[in-house]
Amino acid sequence: KVNLGTGNGYSVLQVVQAYSKACGRELPYEILPRRAGDVAECYADPTKALELLGWKAQYNIDQMCKDSWNFTQMNPNGIE
């Protein structure tokens, strides 16, 4: 198995902030206590992808969210 990712973890708040920047408006959110069973950290280790495939992530969280937002705007019904 090969994980594809940046090797960096991002908080939910960082993702909300990146999407806010991508769409150009403040997104509403609430900060609540962690639920029982919630994972504290989870992110991909891309070491094998680099070793086996020569693959390395090229984009940061802001760029990925902007790309995702732009795709959604261009394809409101998803992939058809």
N, C-alpha and C. Protein backbone atom coordinates (compact mmCIF):
# COMPACT_ATOMS: atom_id res chain seq x y z
N LYS A 1 0.84 -1.18 0.00
CA LYS A 1 0.00 0.00 0.00
C LYS A 1 0.88 1.24 0.00
N VAL A 2 0.40 2.25 -0.70
CA VAL A 2 1.12 3.52 -0.80
C VAL A 2 0.17 4.65 -0.42
N ASN A 3 0.61 5.49 0.50
CA ASN A 3 -0.18 6.66 0.89
C ASN A 3 0.23 7.86 0.06
N LEU A 4 -0.76 8.59 -0.42
CA LEU A 4 -0.49 9.84 -1.13
C LEU A 4 -0.91 10.98 -0.23
N GLY A 5 -0.02 11.90 0.00
CA GLY A 5 -0.30 13.04 0.87
C GLY A 5 0.92 13.91 0.98
N THR A 6 0.82 14.92 1.80
CA THR A 6 1.93 15.86 1.97
C THR A 6 2.86 15.46 3.10
N GLY A 7 2.36 14.62 4.00
CA GLY A 7 3.12 14.31 5.20
C GLY A 7 2.87 15.32 6.31
N ASN A 8 2.07 16.34 6.02
CA ASN A 8 1.71 17.36 7.00
C ASN A 8 0.26 17.17 7.41
N GLY A 9 0.00 17.31 8.70
CA GLY A 9 -1.37 17.25 9.17
C GLY A 9 -1.97 18.65 9.24
N TYR A 10 -3.27 18.74 9.03
CA TYR A 10 -3.98 20.02 9.13
C TYR A 10 -5.17 19.84 10.05
N SER A 11 -5.43 20.84 10.87
CA SER A 11 -6.60 20.80 11.74
C SER A 11 -7.85 21.11 10.92
N VAL A 12 -9.01 20.76 11.48
CA VAL A 12 -10.27 21.09 10.83
C VAL A 12 -10.37 22.61 10.66
N LEU A 13 -9.93 23.36 11.66
CA LEU A 13 -9.97 24.82 11.57
C LEU A 13 -9.11 25.33 10.41
N GLN A 14 -7.94 24.74 10.21
CA GLN A 14 -7.08 25.15 9.10
C GLN A 14 -7.75 24.87 7.75
N VAL A 15 -8.48 23.77 7.66
CA VAL A 15 -9.20 23.46 6.42
C VAL A 15 -10.33 24.46 6.20
N VAL A 16 -11.08 24.78 7.26
CA VAL A 16 -12.15 25.79 7.16
C VAL A 16 -11.57 27.12 6.70
N GLN A 17 -10.46 27.52 7.28
CA GLN A 17 -9.83 28.79 6.91
C GLN A 17 -9.35 28.78 5.46
N ALA A 18 -8.80 27.66 5.02
CA ALA A 18 -8.34 27.55 3.63
C ALA A 18 -9.51 27.63 2.65
N TYR A 19 -10.63 26.99 2.98
CA TYR A 19 -11.82 27.09 2.12
C TYR A 19 -12.42 28.49 2.16
N SER A 20 -12.38 29.14 3.31
CA SER A 20 -12.86 30.53 3.40
C SER A 20 -12.06 31.42 2.45
N LYS A 21 -10.76 31.22 2.45
CA LYS A 21 -9.89 31.99 1.56
C LYS A 21 -10.20 31.66 0.10
N ALA A 22 -10.42 30.38 -0.20
CA ALA A 22 -10.67 29.95 -1.57
C ALA A 22 -11.98 30.51 -2.13
N CYS A 23 -13.02 30.55 -1.30
CA CYS A 23 -14.33 31.00 -1.80
C CYS A 23 -14.55 32.49 -1.59
N GLY A 24 -13.66 33.14 -0.85
CA GLY A 24 -13.75 34.58 -0.69
C GLY A 24 -14.78 35.06 0.31
N ARG A 25 -15.18 34.18 1.21
CA ARG A 25 -16.11 34.60 2.26
C ARG A 25 -15.88 33.78 3.52
N GLU A 26 -16.28 34.34 4.63
CA GLU A 26 -16.12 33.67 5.93
C GLU A 26 -17.12 32.52 6.02
N LEU A 27 -16.64 31.34 6.34
CA LEU A 27 -17.52 30.19 6.52
C LEU A 27 -17.85 30.05 8.00
N PRO A 28 -19.11 29.82 8.33
CA PRO A 28 -19.48 29.68 9.75
C PRO A 28 -18.95 28.36 10.31
N TYR A 29 -18.53 28.40 11.55
CA TYR A 29 -18.08 27.18 12.22
C TYR A 29 -18.25 27.36 13.72
N GLU A 30 -18.24 26.25 14.41
CA GLU A 30 -18.34 26.23 15.88
C GLU A 30 -17.19 25.39 16.41
N ILE A 31 -16.56 25.84 17.45
CA ILE A 31 -15.51 25.04 18.09
C ILE A 31 -16.13 24.35 19.29
N LEU A 32 -16.11 23.03 19.26
CA LEU A 32 -16.71 22.21 20.31
C LEU A 32 -15.66 21.28 20.88
N PRO A 33 -15.92 20.69 22.04
CA PRO A 33 -14.96 19.73 22.60
C PRO A 33 -14.83 18.50 21.69
N ARG A 34 -13.67 17.89 21.74
CA ARG A 34 -13.43 16.67 20.99
C ARG A 34 -14.39 15.59 21.48
N ARG A 35 -14.93 14.82 20.56
CA ARG A 35 -15.84 13.73 20.92
C ARG A 35 -15.04 12.50 21.34
N ALA A 36 -15.65 11.65 22.13
CA ALA A 36 -15.00 10.39 22.53
C ALA A 36 -14.70 9.59 21.27
N GLY A 37 -13.48 9.11 21.17
CA GLY A 37 -13.09 8.30 20.03
C GLY A 37 -12.51 9.08 18.87
N ASP A 38 -12.58 10.42 18.91
CA ASP A 38 -11.98 11.22 17.84
C ASP A 38 -10.47 11.03 17.83
N VAL A 39 -9.91 10.90 16.66
CA VAL A 39 -8.47 10.74 16.51
C VAL A 39 -7.81 12.11 16.66
N ALA A 40 -6.75 12.16 17.45
CA ALA A 40 -6.06 13.44 17.68
C ALA A 40 -5.31 13.90 16.43
N GLU A 41 -4.64 12.97 15.76
CA GLU A 41 -3.87 13.30 14.55
C GLU A 41 -3.97 12.16 13.57
N CYS A 42 -4.05 12.50 12.30
CA CYS A 42 -4.07 11.47 11.25
C CYS A 42 -3.61 12.12 9.95
N TYR A 43 -2.52 11.64 9.40
CA TYR A 43 -2.04 12.18 8.13
C TYR A 43 -1.20 11.12 7.43
N ALA A 44 -1.08 11.26 6.13
CA ALA A 44 -0.39 10.28 5.30
C ALA A 44 1.12 10.43 5.41
N ASP A 45 1.80 9.29 5.40
CA ASP A 45 3.26 9.28 5.30
C ASP A 45 3.58 8.95 3.84
N PRO A 46 4.02 9.93 3.07
CA PRO A 46 4.23 9.72 1.63
C PRO A 46 5.60 9.12 1.27
N THR A 47 6.34 8.62 2.24
CA THR A 47 7.70 8.12 1.99
C THR A 47 7.72 7.04 0.90
N LYS A 48 6.81 6.06 0.99
CA LYS A 48 6.78 4.97 0.00
C LYS A 48 6.44 5.49 -1.39
N ALA A 49 5.56 6.46 -1.47
CA ALA A 49 5.18 7.02 -2.78
C ALA A 49 6.40 7.64 -3.46
N LEU A 50 7.22 8.31 -2.69
CA LEU A 50 8.43 8.91 -3.25
C LEU A 50 9.42 7.82 -3.67
N GLU A 51 9.61 6.83 -2.79
CA GLU A 51 10.58 5.76 -3.08
C GLU A 51 10.16 4.90 -4.26
N LEU A 52 8.89 4.48 -4.31
CA LEU A 52 8.43 3.54 -5.34
C LEU A 52 7.98 4.22 -6.63
N LEU A 53 7.38 5.39 -6.51
CA LEU A 53 6.77 6.03 -7.67
C LEU A 53 7.45 7.33 -8.09
N GLY A 54 8.33 7.84 -7.21
CA GLY A 54 8.92 9.14 -7.48
C GLY A 54 7.91 10.26 -7.36
N TRP A 55 6.82 10.00 -6.61
CA TRP A 55 5.71 10.96 -6.47
C TRP A 55 5.85 11.77 -5.20
N LYS A 56 5.64 13.08 -5.31
CA LYS A 56 5.67 13.97 -4.16
C LYS A 56 4.59 15.02 -4.34
N ALA A 57 3.83 15.30 -3.28
CA ALA A 57 2.78 16.32 -3.35
C ALA A 57 3.39 17.66 -3.72
N GLN A 58 2.68 18.41 -4.55
CA GLN A 58 3.19 19.70 -5.02
C GLN A 58 2.44 20.89 -4.44
N TYR A 59 1.29 20.64 -3.81
CA TYR A 59 0.42 21.74 -3.38
C TYR A 59 0.25 21.77 -1.88
N ASN A 60 0.04 22.97 -1.35
CA ASN A 60 -0.24 23.11 0.08
C ASN A 60 -1.75 23.16 0.30
N ILE A 61 -2.18 23.28 1.53
CA ILE A 61 -3.61 23.23 1.87
C ILE A 61 -4.39 24.34 1.18
N ASP A 62 -3.84 25.54 1.10
CA ASP A 62 -4.54 26.64 0.44
C ASP A 62 -4.76 26.34 -1.05
N GLN A 63 -3.72 25.84 -1.70
CA GLN A 63 -3.82 25.53 -3.13
C GLN A 63 -4.80 24.38 -3.38
N MET A 64 -4.78 23.36 -2.52
CA MET A 64 -5.68 22.22 -2.69
C MET A 64 -7.14 22.63 -2.51
N CYS A 65 -7.42 23.44 -1.50
CA CYS A 65 -8.80 23.89 -1.26
C CYS A 65 -9.27 24.81 -2.38
N LYS A 66 -8.39 25.66 -2.88
CA LYS A 66 -8.75 26.54 -4.00
C LYS A 66 -9.09 25.71 -5.23
N ASP A 67 -8.28 24.70 -5.52
CA ASP A 67 -8.52 23.83 -6.67
C ASP A 67 -9.84 23.08 -6.50
N SER A 68 -10.09 22.56 -5.31
CA SER A 68 -11.34 21.85 -5.02
C SER A 68 -12.54 22.78 -5.18
N TRP A 69 -12.44 24.00 -4.65
CA TRP A 69 -13.52 24.98 -4.75
C TRP A 69 -13.79 25.33 -6.22
N ASN A 70 -12.74 25.58 -6.98
CA ASN A 70 -12.91 25.92 -8.40
C ASN A 70 -13.56 24.78 -9.17
N PHE A 71 -13.16 23.55 -8.89
CA PHE A 71 -13.77 22.39 -9.56
C PHE A 71 -15.26 22.32 -9.24
N THR A 72 -15.61 22.52 -7.97
CA THR A 72 -17.01 22.46 -7.56
C THR A 72 -17.82 23.55 -8.26
N GLN A 73 -17.26 24.73 -8.39
CA GLN A 73 -17.96 25.82 -9.07
C GLN A 73 -18.16 25.52 -10.56
N MET A 74 -17.19 24.89 -11.17
CA MET A 74 -17.28 24.56 -12.59
C MET A 74 -18.13 23.31 -12.85
N ASN A 75 -18.31 22.48 -11.82
CA ASN A 75 -19.02 21.21 -11.96
C ASN A 75 -20.02 21.04 -10.81
N PRO A 76 -21.09 21.85 -10.77
CA PRO A 76 -22.01 21.80 -9.63
C PRO A 76 -22.71 20.45 -9.45
N ASN A 77 -22.76 19.63 -10.49
CA ASN A 77 -23.37 18.30 -10.39
C ASN A 77 -22.33 17.21 -10.20
N GLY A 78 -21.10 17.60 -9.93
CA GLY A 78 -20.03 16.63 -9.76
C GLY A 78 -19.58 16.08 -11.11
N ILE A 79 -18.97 14.92 -11.09
CA ILE A 79 -18.51 14.28 -12.32
C ILE A 79 -19.67 13.48 -12.89
N GLU A 80 -20.04 13.81 -14.10
CA GLU A 80 -21.16 13.10 -14.74
C GLU A 80 -20.66 12.28 -15.90
